[in-house]
N, C-alpha and C. Protein backbone atom coordinates (compact mmCIF):
# COMPACT_ATOMS: atom_id res chain seq x y z
N MET A 1 -225.23 237.54 164.25
CA MET A 1 -223.98 238.29 164.22
C MET A 1 -224.28 239.72 163.80
N GLN A 2 -223.73 240.69 164.55
CA GLN A 2 -224.04 242.09 164.31
C GLN A 2 -223.55 242.58 162.95
N VAL A 3 -222.38 242.09 162.51
CA VAL A 3 -221.83 242.55 161.25
C VAL A 3 -222.72 242.12 160.08
N ARG A 4 -223.36 240.97 160.19
CA ARG A 4 -224.27 240.53 159.14
C ARG A 4 -225.52 241.39 159.11
N GLU A 5 -226.01 241.77 160.27
CA GLU A 5 -227.18 242.64 160.33
C GLU A 5 -226.86 244.01 159.74
N ARG A 6 -225.65 244.51 160.00
CA ARG A 6 -225.26 245.80 159.44
C ARG A 6 -225.20 245.72 157.92
N PHE A 7 -224.64 244.65 157.41
CA PHE A 7 -224.55 244.49 155.96
C PHE A 7 -225.94 244.43 155.33
N ALA A 8 -226.87 243.76 156.01
CA ALA A 8 -228.22 243.62 155.47
C ALA A 8 -228.97 244.95 155.47
N THR A 9 -228.73 245.80 156.46
CA THR A 9 -229.46 247.06 156.56
C THR A 9 -228.76 248.20 155.83
N LYS A 10 -227.44 248.27 155.92
CA LYS A 10 -226.70 249.37 155.30
C LYS A 10 -226.30 249.09 153.85
N GLY A 11 -226.16 247.83 153.50
CA GLY A 11 -225.75 247.49 152.15
C GLY A 11 -224.25 247.38 151.98
N TYR A 12 -223.48 247.61 153.03
CA TYR A 12 -222.03 247.51 152.95
C TYR A 12 -221.47 247.20 154.33
N VAL A 13 -220.23 246.78 154.35
CA VAL A 13 -219.50 246.56 155.60
C VAL A 13 -218.02 246.78 155.32
N ILE A 14 -217.31 247.35 156.29
CA ILE A 14 -215.88 247.65 156.13
C ILE A 14 -215.08 246.80 157.10
N PHE A 15 -214.03 246.16 156.59
CA PHE A 15 -213.08 245.43 157.42
C PHE A 15 -211.81 246.29 157.52
N TYR A 16 -211.58 246.85 158.68
CA TYR A 16 -210.45 247.76 158.85
C TYR A 16 -209.16 246.98 159.10
N GLY A 17 -208.10 247.35 158.37
CA GLY A 17 -206.80 246.70 158.55
C GLY A 17 -206.83 245.22 158.25
N ALA A 18 -207.62 244.82 157.27
CA ALA A 18 -207.80 243.40 156.99
C ALA A 18 -206.60 242.78 156.27
N VAL A 19 -205.85 243.58 155.53
CA VAL A 19 -204.72 243.07 154.75
C VAL A 19 -203.42 243.52 155.38
N HIS A 20 -202.50 242.57 155.58
CA HIS A 20 -201.21 242.86 156.23
C HIS A 20 -200.33 243.71 155.32
N ASP A 21 -199.44 244.50 155.93
CA ASP A 21 -198.56 245.40 155.17
C ASP A 21 -197.68 244.64 154.18
N ASP A 22 -197.18 243.47 154.57
CA ASP A 22 -196.34 242.69 153.64
C ASP A 22 -197.13 242.26 152.41
N THR A 23 -198.38 241.89 152.61
CA THR A 23 -199.22 241.51 151.47
C THR A 23 -199.50 242.71 150.58
N ILE A 24 -199.72 243.87 151.20
CA ILE A 24 -199.96 245.09 150.42
C ILE A 24 -198.75 245.44 149.57
N LYS A 25 -197.56 245.31 150.12
CA LYS A 25 -196.34 245.59 149.36
C LYS A 25 -196.21 244.64 148.17
N SER A 26 -196.56 243.38 148.39
CA SER A 26 -196.48 242.41 147.30
C SER A 26 -197.47 242.75 146.19
N TRP A 27 -198.68 243.12 146.55
CA TRP A 27 -199.69 243.48 145.55
C TRP A 27 -199.34 244.79 144.85
N ARG A 28 -198.73 245.72 145.59
CA ARG A 28 -198.31 246.98 144.96
C ARG A 28 -197.23 246.72 143.92
N SER A 29 -196.35 245.77 144.22
CA SER A 29 -195.30 245.40 143.26
C SER A 29 -195.91 244.82 141.99
N ILE A 30 -196.96 244.03 142.13
CA ILE A 30 -197.64 243.47 140.96
C ILE A 30 -198.23 244.58 140.10
N ALA A 31 -198.82 245.57 140.75
CA ALA A 31 -199.42 246.69 140.01
C ALA A 31 -198.36 247.50 139.28
N ARG A 32 -197.20 247.69 139.90
CA ARG A 32 -196.13 248.46 139.27
C ARG A 32 -195.55 247.75 138.05
N GLN A 33 -195.57 246.43 138.07
CA GLN A 33 -195.03 245.66 136.95
C GLN A 33 -196.05 245.45 135.83
N THR A 34 -197.26 245.92 136.05
CA THR A 34 -198.31 245.76 135.05
C THR A 34 -198.21 246.84 133.99
N ASN A 35 -198.25 246.43 132.74
CA ASN A 35 -198.17 247.37 131.62
C ASN A 35 -199.49 247.52 130.87
N GLY A 36 -200.43 246.65 131.13
CA GLY A 36 -201.68 246.66 130.36
C GLY A 36 -202.75 247.55 130.93
N TRP A 37 -202.41 248.80 131.24
CA TRP A 37 -203.41 249.73 131.76
C TRP A 37 -204.26 250.26 130.60
N PHE A 38 -205.54 250.36 130.81
CA PHE A 38 -206.42 250.88 129.77
C PHE A 38 -207.53 251.69 130.44
N GLU A 39 -208.11 252.59 129.65
CA GLU A 39 -209.20 253.41 130.17
C GLU A 39 -210.42 252.54 130.40
N GLU A 40 -211.07 252.81 131.50
CA GLU A 40 -212.23 252.01 131.88
C GLU A 40 -213.36 252.21 130.89
N GLU A 41 -214.00 251.11 130.52
CA GLU A 41 -215.17 251.19 129.63
C GLU A 41 -216.35 251.67 130.44
N VAL A 42 -216.81 252.85 130.12
CA VAL A 42 -217.86 253.48 130.90
C VAL A 42 -219.21 253.12 130.31
N ILE A 43 -220.10 252.60 131.16
CA ILE A 43 -221.44 252.24 130.73
C ILE A 43 -222.43 252.87 131.70
N ASP A 44 -223.36 253.66 131.15
CA ASP A 44 -224.40 254.29 131.96
C ASP A 44 -223.82 255.18 133.04
N MET A 45 -222.76 255.89 132.74
CA MET A 45 -222.14 256.80 133.69
C MET A 45 -221.51 257.94 132.92
N THR A 46 -221.48 259.12 133.52
CA THR A 46 -220.85 260.25 132.86
C THR A 46 -219.39 259.92 132.58
N GLU A 47 -218.96 260.09 131.35
CA GLU A 47 -217.64 259.64 130.94
C GLU A 47 -216.54 260.51 131.53
N GLU A 48 -215.51 259.89 132.04
CA GLU A 48 -214.33 260.60 132.53
C GLU A 48 -213.10 259.81 132.09
N GLN A 49 -212.05 260.52 131.71
CA GLN A 49 -210.89 259.90 131.08
C GLN A 49 -209.66 259.91 131.99
N VAL A 50 -209.85 259.87 133.30
CA VAL A 50 -208.71 259.98 134.20
C VAL A 50 -208.34 258.65 134.84
N ARG A 51 -209.31 257.83 135.15
CA ARG A 51 -209.01 256.58 135.84
C ARG A 51 -208.75 255.47 134.83
N VAL A 52 -207.76 254.64 135.13
CA VAL A 52 -207.42 253.51 134.27
C VAL A 52 -207.46 252.24 135.11
N GLU A 53 -207.53 251.12 134.45
CA GLU A 53 -207.56 249.84 135.16
C GLU A 53 -206.72 248.82 134.42
N ALA A 54 -206.36 247.76 135.14
CA ALA A 54 -205.56 246.68 134.58
C ALA A 54 -205.98 245.38 135.24
N ALA A 55 -206.05 244.33 134.46
CA ALA A 55 -206.43 243.02 134.98
C ALA A 55 -205.29 242.43 135.80
N VAL A 56 -205.63 241.79 136.90
CA VAL A 56 -204.64 241.11 137.73
C VAL A 56 -204.31 239.76 137.08
N PRO A 57 -203.04 239.38 137.00
CA PRO A 57 -202.68 238.07 136.44
C PRO A 57 -203.42 236.94 137.15
N ASP A 58 -203.73 235.88 136.41
CA ASP A 58 -204.57 234.80 136.92
C ASP A 58 -204.03 234.19 138.21
N GLN A 59 -202.74 233.88 138.24
CA GLN A 59 -202.17 233.24 139.42
C GLN A 59 -202.28 234.15 140.64
N ASP A 60 -201.99 235.44 140.46
CA ASP A 60 -202.10 236.38 141.58
C ASP A 60 -203.56 236.58 141.99
N ALA A 61 -204.46 236.57 141.02
CA ALA A 61 -205.88 236.74 141.33
C ALA A 61 -206.40 235.57 142.16
N ARG A 62 -205.97 234.35 141.83
CA ARG A 62 -206.40 233.19 142.62
C ARG A 62 -205.87 233.27 144.04
N GLU A 63 -204.65 233.76 144.20
CA GLU A 63 -204.09 233.91 145.55
C GLU A 63 -204.84 234.98 146.33
N MET A 64 -205.23 236.06 145.67
CA MET A 64 -206.03 237.10 146.35
C MET A 64 -207.37 236.53 146.81
N SER A 65 -208.00 235.76 145.96
CA SER A 65 -209.29 235.15 146.32
C SER A 65 -209.14 234.22 147.52
N ARG A 66 -208.04 233.47 147.55
CA ARG A 66 -207.82 232.53 148.65
C ARG A 66 -207.59 233.27 149.97
N LEU A 67 -206.81 234.36 149.93
CA LEU A 67 -206.49 235.09 151.15
C LEU A 67 -207.70 235.85 151.70
N LEU A 68 -208.59 236.29 150.83
CA LEU A 68 -209.69 237.15 151.27
C LEU A 68 -211.02 236.43 151.36
N GLN A 69 -211.05 235.14 151.07
CA GLN A 69 -212.34 234.45 151.07
C GLN A 69 -212.97 234.37 152.45
N ARG A 70 -212.16 234.41 153.51
CA ARG A 70 -212.73 234.36 154.86
C ARG A 70 -213.56 235.60 155.17
N PHE A 71 -213.37 236.68 154.41
CA PHE A 71 -214.17 237.89 154.62
C PHE A 71 -215.49 237.81 153.86
N TYR A 72 -215.42 237.58 152.55
CA TYR A 72 -216.66 237.64 151.77
C TYR A 72 -217.52 236.40 151.94
N ARG A 73 -216.92 235.24 152.28
CA ARG A 73 -217.74 234.06 152.48
C ARG A 73 -218.43 234.05 153.83
N THR A 74 -218.11 235.01 154.67
CA THR A 74 -218.86 235.18 155.91
C THR A 74 -220.30 235.56 155.60
N PHE A 75 -220.50 236.29 154.50
CA PHE A 75 -221.82 236.74 154.10
C PHE A 75 -222.41 235.89 152.98
N PHE A 76 -221.56 235.43 152.08
CA PHE A 76 -222.02 234.63 150.94
C PHE A 76 -221.15 233.38 150.84
N PRO A 77 -221.50 232.31 151.55
CA PRO A 77 -220.64 231.11 151.60
C PRO A 77 -220.40 230.46 150.25
N ALA A 78 -221.33 230.61 149.31
CA ALA A 78 -221.21 229.90 148.03
C ALA A 78 -220.57 230.75 146.93
N THR A 79 -220.08 231.93 147.27
CA THR A 79 -219.54 232.82 146.24
C THR A 79 -218.06 232.61 146.01
N ASN A 80 -217.61 233.07 144.85
CA ASN A 80 -216.19 233.09 144.49
C ASN A 80 -215.86 234.45 143.90
N ALA A 81 -214.67 234.95 144.22
CA ALA A 81 -214.24 236.25 143.70
C ALA A 81 -213.63 236.09 142.32
N HIS A 82 -214.13 236.87 141.37
CA HIS A 82 -213.64 236.82 140.00
C HIS A 82 -213.41 238.24 139.48
N ASP A 83 -212.80 238.30 138.30
CA ASP A 83 -212.60 239.57 137.60
C ASP A 83 -211.81 240.56 138.45
N TRP A 84 -210.70 240.11 139.00
CA TRP A 84 -209.83 240.99 139.78
C TRP A 84 -209.12 241.98 138.86
N HIS A 85 -209.11 243.24 139.26
CA HIS A 85 -208.38 244.24 138.49
C HIS A 85 -207.97 245.40 139.39
N PHE A 86 -206.91 246.09 138.95
CA PHE A 86 -206.43 247.28 139.65
C PHE A 86 -207.15 248.50 139.07
N ASN A 87 -207.54 249.42 139.95
CA ASN A 87 -208.05 250.72 139.54
C ASN A 87 -207.05 251.78 139.98
N LYS A 88 -206.53 252.54 139.02
CA LYS A 88 -205.53 253.57 139.33
C LYS A 88 -206.10 254.95 139.01
N THR A 89 -206.04 255.83 140.01
CA THR A 89 -206.52 257.20 139.86
C THR A 89 -205.38 258.16 140.14
N PRO A 90 -205.03 259.04 139.22
CA PRO A 90 -203.90 259.96 139.44
C PRO A 90 -204.27 261.06 140.43
N ALA A 91 -203.24 261.71 140.95
CA ALA A 91 -203.43 262.80 141.89
C ALA A 91 -204.14 263.97 141.22
N GLY A 92 -204.94 264.68 142.00
CA GLY A 92 -205.65 265.83 141.49
C GLY A 92 -206.97 265.52 140.82
N THR A 93 -207.41 264.27 140.91
CA THR A 93 -208.68 263.88 140.30
C THR A 93 -209.85 264.38 141.13
N GLU A 94 -210.85 264.92 140.47
CA GLU A 94 -212.05 265.38 141.16
C GLU A 94 -212.95 264.19 141.51
N ASP A 95 -213.96 264.49 142.33
CA ASP A 95 -214.93 263.45 142.68
C ASP A 95 -215.57 262.89 141.42
N GLN A 96 -215.75 261.59 141.40
CA GLN A 96 -216.29 260.92 140.23
C GLN A 96 -217.79 260.73 140.36
N PRO A 97 -218.51 260.70 139.24
CA PRO A 97 -219.96 260.54 139.29
C PRO A 97 -220.34 259.14 139.77
N PRO A 98 -221.53 258.98 140.31
CA PRO A 98 -221.95 257.66 140.81
C PRO A 98 -222.22 256.69 139.69
N ARG A 99 -221.97 255.43 139.99
CA ARG A 99 -222.30 254.36 139.05
C ARG A 99 -223.78 254.00 139.22
N ARG A 100 -224.45 253.84 138.11
CA ARG A 100 -225.87 253.55 138.17
C ARG A 100 -226.11 252.05 138.13
N GLU A 101 -225.64 251.37 139.16
CA GLU A 101 -225.82 249.93 139.29
C GLU A 101 -226.70 249.67 140.50
N PHE A 102 -227.96 250.05 140.43
CA PHE A 102 -228.78 249.97 141.61
C PHE A 102 -230.24 249.75 141.23
N LEU A 103 -231.03 249.37 142.22
CA LEU A 103 -232.44 249.15 142.01
C LEU A 103 -233.20 250.47 142.06
N THR A 104 -234.39 250.48 141.46
CA THR A 104 -235.17 251.71 141.42
C THR A 104 -235.52 252.20 142.81
N SER A 105 -235.90 251.31 143.71
CA SER A 105 -236.29 251.72 145.06
C SER A 105 -235.14 252.40 145.78
N LEU A 106 -233.93 251.94 145.56
CA LEU A 106 -232.78 252.55 146.20
C LEU A 106 -232.38 253.84 145.51
N ALA A 107 -232.64 253.94 144.23
CA ALA A 107 -232.26 255.14 143.49
C ALA A 107 -233.05 256.35 143.94
N LEU A 108 -234.22 256.16 144.51
CA LEU A 108 -235.05 257.27 144.93
C LEU A 108 -234.61 257.86 146.26
N ARG A 109 -233.70 257.26 146.94
CA ARG A 109 -233.22 257.79 148.22
C ARG A 109 -232.21 258.91 147.99
N SER A 110 -232.17 259.84 148.93
CA SER A 110 -231.30 261.00 148.77
C SER A 110 -230.17 261.05 149.80
N ASN A 111 -230.17 260.14 150.77
CA ASN A 111 -229.13 260.19 151.80
C ASN A 111 -227.81 259.66 151.25
N ARG A 112 -226.72 260.27 151.70
CA ARG A 112 -225.38 259.87 151.27
C ARG A 112 -224.50 259.65 152.50
N ARG A 113 -223.49 258.82 152.34
CA ARG A 113 -222.58 258.53 153.43
C ARG A 113 -221.16 258.45 152.87
N LEU A 114 -220.21 259.10 153.56
CA LEU A 114 -218.81 259.08 153.14
C LEU A 114 -218.10 257.93 153.84
N LEU A 115 -217.53 257.03 153.05
CA LEU A 115 -216.78 255.90 153.59
C LEU A 115 -215.30 256.23 153.51
N ASP A 116 -214.65 256.30 154.65
CA ASP A 116 -213.23 256.65 154.74
C ASP A 116 -212.42 255.37 154.86
N LEU A 117 -211.66 255.05 153.82
CA LEU A 117 -210.86 253.83 153.79
C LEU A 117 -209.38 254.16 153.80
N ASN A 118 -208.61 253.35 154.48
CA ASN A 118 -207.16 253.49 154.54
C ASN A 118 -206.49 252.25 153.95
N LYS A 119 -205.19 252.30 153.86
CA LYS A 119 -204.44 251.18 153.29
C LYS A 119 -204.71 249.90 154.08
N GLY A 120 -205.07 248.85 153.37
CA GLY A 120 -205.35 247.57 154.01
C GLY A 120 -206.80 247.34 154.37
N ASP A 121 -207.66 248.35 154.19
CA ASP A 121 -209.08 248.18 154.49
C ASP A 121 -209.80 247.52 153.32
N ILE A 122 -210.87 246.82 153.64
CA ILE A 122 -211.70 246.16 152.64
C ILE A 122 -213.13 246.62 152.82
N VAL A 123 -213.78 247.01 151.74
CA VAL A 123 -215.20 247.34 151.79
C VAL A 123 -215.95 246.33 150.91
N LEU A 124 -216.98 245.75 151.48
CA LEU A 124 -217.82 244.77 150.78
C LEU A 124 -219.21 245.36 150.67
N PHE A 125 -219.73 245.48 149.46
CA PHE A 125 -221.06 246.07 149.30
C PHE A 125 -221.89 245.26 148.33
N ARG A 126 -223.20 245.38 148.48
CA ARG A 126 -224.14 244.65 147.64
C ARG A 126 -224.18 245.24 146.24
N GLY A 127 -224.78 244.49 145.32
CA GLY A 127 -224.87 244.96 143.95
C GLY A 127 -225.80 246.13 143.76
N ASP A 128 -226.72 246.39 144.71
CA ASP A 128 -227.63 247.53 144.58
C ASP A 128 -227.12 248.76 145.32
N PHE A 129 -225.86 248.73 145.71
CA PHE A 129 -225.27 249.86 146.43
C PHE A 129 -224.77 250.91 145.44
N ILE A 130 -225.11 252.18 145.65
CA ILE A 130 -224.68 253.26 144.77
C ILE A 130 -223.28 253.69 145.18
N LEU A 131 -222.33 253.56 144.27
CA LEU A 131 -220.93 253.86 144.57
C LEU A 131 -220.46 255.05 143.75
N ALA A 132 -219.81 256.00 144.43
CA ALA A 132 -219.21 257.16 143.76
C ALA A 132 -217.86 257.43 144.41
N SER A 133 -216.78 257.22 143.67
CA SER A 133 -215.43 257.43 144.21
C SER A 133 -215.13 258.91 144.34
N VAL A 134 -214.36 259.27 145.35
CA VAL A 134 -213.99 260.67 145.57
C VAL A 134 -212.65 260.94 144.90
N GLY A 135 -212.29 262.23 144.84
CA GLY A 135 -211.01 262.61 144.26
C GLY A 135 -209.86 262.32 145.21
N TYR A 136 -208.63 262.41 144.68
CA TYR A 136 -207.44 262.08 145.46
C TYR A 136 -206.40 263.18 145.30
N ASP A 137 -205.68 263.44 146.40
CA ASP A 137 -204.57 264.39 146.36
C ASP A 137 -203.28 263.72 145.90
N THR A 138 -203.20 262.41 146.07
CA THR A 138 -202.03 261.64 145.65
C THR A 138 -202.49 260.50 144.74
N ASN A 139 -201.53 259.88 144.06
CA ASN A 139 -201.87 258.73 143.22
C ASN A 139 -202.46 257.61 144.07
N ASN A 140 -203.49 256.99 143.58
CA ASN A 140 -204.18 255.96 144.34
C ASN A 140 -204.42 254.72 143.48
N ILE A 141 -204.17 253.55 144.08
CA ILE A 141 -204.45 252.27 143.42
C ILE A 141 -205.26 251.41 144.39
N CYS A 142 -206.34 250.85 143.90
CA CYS A 142 -207.14 249.95 144.72
C CYS A 142 -207.46 248.69 143.91
N LEU A 143 -207.81 247.64 144.62
CA LEU A 143 -208.19 246.38 144.01
C LEU A 143 -209.70 246.24 144.00
N HIS A 144 -210.21 245.64 142.94
CA HIS A 144 -211.66 245.47 142.82
C HIS A 144 -211.94 244.09 142.25
N ALA A 145 -213.00 243.47 142.76
CA ALA A 145 -213.41 242.15 142.26
C ALA A 145 -214.92 242.02 142.40
N TYR A 146 -215.49 241.10 141.64
CA TYR A 146 -216.91 240.79 141.72
C TYR A 146 -217.08 239.43 142.38
N LEU A 147 -218.13 239.30 143.19
CA LEU A 147 -218.45 238.03 143.83
C LEU A 147 -219.53 237.34 143.03
N ASP A 148 -219.20 236.18 142.50
CA ASP A 148 -220.14 235.42 141.68
C ASP A 148 -220.74 234.28 142.49
N SER A 149 -222.05 234.11 142.36
CA SER A 149 -222.76 233.07 143.08
C SER A 149 -223.39 232.10 142.08
N PRO A 150 -223.46 230.82 142.41
CA PRO A 150 -224.13 229.87 141.51
C PRO A 150 -225.62 230.12 141.40
N PHE A 151 -226.17 230.97 142.28
CA PHE A 151 -227.60 231.25 142.26
C PHE A 151 -227.94 232.50 141.45
N TYR A 152 -226.93 233.19 140.93
CA TYR A 152 -227.17 234.42 140.17
C TYR A 152 -226.16 234.52 139.05
N ASP A 153 -226.66 234.74 137.85
CA ASP A 153 -225.81 234.86 136.67
C ASP A 153 -225.49 236.33 136.43
N ARG A 154 -224.24 236.71 136.67
CA ARG A 154 -223.85 238.12 136.51
C ARG A 154 -223.67 238.44 135.04
N PRO A 155 -224.29 239.52 134.54
CA PRO A 155 -224.10 239.90 133.14
C PRO A 155 -222.68 240.35 132.88
N ASP A 156 -222.25 240.28 131.63
CA ASP A 156 -220.86 240.60 131.30
C ASP A 156 -220.51 242.05 131.57
N ASP A 157 -221.44 242.99 131.34
CA ASP A 157 -221.11 244.40 131.53
C ASP A 157 -221.35 244.88 132.95
N HIS A 158 -221.90 244.04 133.82
CA HIS A 158 -222.10 244.33 135.24
C HIS A 158 -223.05 245.49 135.48
N HIS A 159 -223.77 245.94 134.47
CA HIS A 159 -224.66 247.08 134.63
C HIS A 159 -226.07 246.64 134.26
N PRO A 160 -226.86 246.17 135.23
CA PRO A 160 -228.20 245.70 134.90
C PRO A 160 -229.11 246.85 134.47
N THR A 161 -230.12 246.53 133.67
CA THR A 161 -231.09 247.52 133.23
C THR A 161 -232.05 247.82 134.37
N VAL A 162 -232.18 249.09 134.73
CA VAL A 162 -233.07 249.47 135.81
C VAL A 162 -234.52 249.32 135.38
N VAL A 163 -234.88 249.83 134.23
CA VAL A 163 -236.24 249.74 133.70
C VAL A 163 -236.18 249.10 132.32
N PRO A 164 -236.79 247.94 132.12
CA PRO A 164 -236.78 247.32 130.79
C PRO A 164 -237.54 248.17 129.79
N GLU A 165 -236.99 248.29 128.60
CA GLU A 165 -237.61 249.10 127.56
C GLU A 165 -238.15 248.20 126.46
N ILE A 166 -239.38 248.44 126.06
CA ILE A 166 -240.02 247.70 124.99
C ILE A 166 -240.49 248.70 123.94
N ASP A 167 -240.00 248.57 122.75
CA ASP A 167 -240.38 249.47 121.67
C ASP A 167 -241.69 248.98 121.05
N ASP A 168 -242.80 249.54 121.51
CA ASP A 168 -244.10 249.15 120.99
C ASP A 168 -244.70 250.21 120.08
N SER A 169 -243.87 251.13 119.60
CA SER A 169 -244.36 252.18 118.71
C SER A 169 -244.68 251.59 117.33
N ARG A 170 -245.71 252.12 116.72
CA ARG A 170 -246.14 251.64 115.42
C ARG A 170 -245.75 252.65 114.35
N GLY A 171 -245.19 252.16 113.28
CA GLY A 171 -244.78 253.05 112.20
C GLY A 171 -245.97 253.73 111.54
N ILE A 172 -245.74 254.89 110.96
CA ILE A 172 -246.83 255.66 110.38
C ILE A 172 -247.43 254.98 109.16
N ASP A 173 -246.65 254.14 108.51
CA ASP A 173 -247.13 253.49 107.29
C ASP A 173 -247.61 252.06 107.53
N ASP A 174 -247.66 251.62 108.80
CA ASP A 174 -248.12 250.27 109.07
C ASP A 174 -249.61 250.16 108.74
N PRO A 175 -250.02 249.23 107.89
CA PRO A 175 -251.43 249.12 107.49
C PRO A 175 -252.24 248.28 108.46
N PHE A 176 -252.02 248.43 109.78
CA PHE A 176 -252.73 247.66 110.78
C PHE A 176 -253.54 248.60 111.67
N CYS A 177 -254.61 248.08 112.20
CA CYS A 177 -255.44 248.86 113.11
C CYS A 177 -254.69 249.09 114.42
N ILE A 178 -254.77 250.31 114.96
CA ILE A 178 -254.04 250.66 116.17
C ILE A 178 -254.78 250.25 117.44
N VAL A 179 -256.04 249.81 117.31
CA VAL A 179 -256.83 249.41 118.47
C VAL A 179 -256.40 248.03 118.93
N TRP A 180 -256.28 247.89 120.23
CA TRP A 180 -255.81 246.63 120.80
C TRP A 180 -256.74 245.48 120.42
N ASN A 181 -256.15 244.38 120.02
CA ASN A 181 -256.83 243.12 119.73
C ASN A 181 -257.69 243.19 118.46
N CYS A 182 -257.49 244.21 117.66
CA CYS A 182 -258.21 244.30 116.38
C CYS A 182 -257.28 243.82 115.27
N THR A 183 -257.77 242.92 114.45
CA THR A 183 -256.92 242.28 113.44
C THR A 183 -257.06 242.90 112.05
N PHE A 184 -257.77 244.01 111.95
CA PHE A 184 -258.00 244.62 110.64
C PHE A 184 -256.69 245.16 110.07
N LYS A 185 -256.52 244.99 108.77
CA LYS A 185 -255.40 245.60 108.06
C LYS A 185 -255.84 245.90 106.64
N GLY A 186 -255.23 246.92 106.07
CA GLY A 186 -255.60 247.32 104.72
C GLY A 186 -254.80 248.52 104.27
N THR A 187 -255.32 249.21 103.28
CA THR A 187 -254.64 250.40 102.77
C THR A 187 -254.81 251.55 103.75
N PRO A 188 -253.99 252.60 103.66
CA PRO A 188 -254.15 253.74 104.56
C PRO A 188 -255.56 254.33 104.53
N LEU A 189 -256.18 254.42 103.35
CA LEU A 189 -257.52 254.99 103.26
C LEU A 189 -258.55 254.09 103.92
N SER A 190 -258.47 252.78 103.64
CA SER A 190 -259.43 251.86 104.25
C SER A 190 -259.23 251.78 105.76
N LEU A 191 -258.00 251.94 106.21
CA LEU A 191 -257.73 251.92 107.65
C LEU A 191 -258.36 253.13 108.33
N ARG A 192 -258.29 254.30 107.72
CA ARG A 192 -258.90 255.50 108.28
C ARG A 192 -260.42 255.32 108.38
N ARG A 193 -261.02 254.78 107.34
CA ARG A 193 -262.46 254.55 107.36
C ARG A 193 -262.85 253.53 108.42
N HIS A 194 -262.04 252.49 108.56
CA HIS A 194 -262.30 251.46 109.57
C HIS A 194 -262.25 252.05 110.98
N LEU A 195 -261.24 252.86 111.27
CA LEU A 195 -261.13 253.47 112.59
C LEU A 195 -262.31 254.38 112.89
N ASN A 196 -262.76 255.11 111.89
CA ASN A 196 -263.88 256.03 112.09
C ASN A 196 -265.20 255.28 112.27
N ARG A 197 -265.41 254.24 111.49
CA ARG A 197 -266.70 253.55 111.50
C ARG A 197 -266.85 252.61 112.69
N TYR A 198 -265.79 251.83 113.00
CA TYR A 198 -265.92 250.77 114.00
C TYR A 198 -265.38 251.17 115.38
N HIS A 199 -264.51 252.14 115.43
CA HIS A 199 -263.91 252.50 116.72
C HIS A 199 -264.14 253.95 117.11
N GLY A 200 -264.77 254.72 116.24
CA GLY A 200 -265.06 256.11 116.57
C GLY A 200 -263.82 256.98 116.66
N ILE A 201 -262.78 256.61 115.97
CA ILE A 201 -261.53 257.37 115.99
C ILE A 201 -261.39 258.10 114.66
N ARG A 202 -261.27 259.42 114.75
CA ARG A 202 -261.11 260.23 113.55
C ARG A 202 -259.70 260.83 113.56
N LEU A 203 -258.92 260.52 112.56
CA LEU A 203 -257.55 261.01 112.46
C LEU A 203 -257.53 262.28 111.63
N GLN A 204 -256.82 263.28 112.15
CA GLN A 204 -256.72 264.54 111.44
C GLN A 204 -255.63 264.45 110.38
N ARG A 205 -255.94 264.90 109.21
CA ARG A 205 -254.97 264.87 108.13
C ARG A 205 -253.88 265.90 108.39
N THR A 206 -252.67 265.57 108.01
CA THR A 206 -251.56 266.50 108.15
C THR A 206 -251.66 267.57 107.08
N ALA A 207 -251.52 268.82 107.51
CA ALA A 207 -251.62 269.93 106.56
C ALA A 207 -250.46 269.88 105.59
N ARG A 208 -250.77 270.11 104.34
CA ARG A 208 -249.73 270.10 103.32
C ARG A 208 -248.94 271.40 103.36
N HIS A 209 -247.65 271.27 103.15
CA HIS A 209 -246.78 272.44 103.12
C HIS A 209 -246.68 272.94 101.68
N LEU A 210 -247.17 274.14 101.44
CA LEU A 210 -247.18 274.70 100.10
C LEU A 210 -246.00 275.63 99.93
N GLU A 211 -245.25 275.40 98.90
CA GLU A 211 -244.11 276.27 98.61
C GLU A 211 -244.59 277.62 98.09
N PRO A 212 -243.98 278.74 98.52
CA PRO A 212 -244.40 280.06 98.04
C PRO A 212 -244.05 280.24 96.57
């Protein structure tokens, strides 16, 4: 199927006019009746205080998943849509910075593509897709959900670590030998002598600061 090949190569696919106008009106009514709007918790992204979000009620979220499952299960048959929420952006908002939810190999690419979506369109993209929302001239509300698979455990913050960090720095007062696989430990003076005698490492003493 050509649409599956496009999704595999481009990382996204758009379903134009996928949601009927009557359904859109119903979902818009749900958003208008929602009072629990809050500022989005920004992780690993330049902070901006303009966009807010609200969780979709459970019953409505289940109905959304049921109506739209024929689209996302075309690509991922074992997935389920979870964490439905509304994203509301007021008029006059500037372009937003990209979310850093991507793999290192993809992060090194410089090509960009503008996706033009209209009311009722659905965009489905992979987790390694770099997303940056544009600004709006009018108030805008969109729906967002995550696709969960039994073969992958999604972290709670949805922002995977690109490069794992390991703090292997040694404190200045640690009485252990800095040479790999050496088990010597002792006082600072004996450690300096050990490094000089057995490993040929001579440490320069820090110059003392003399008060005038």
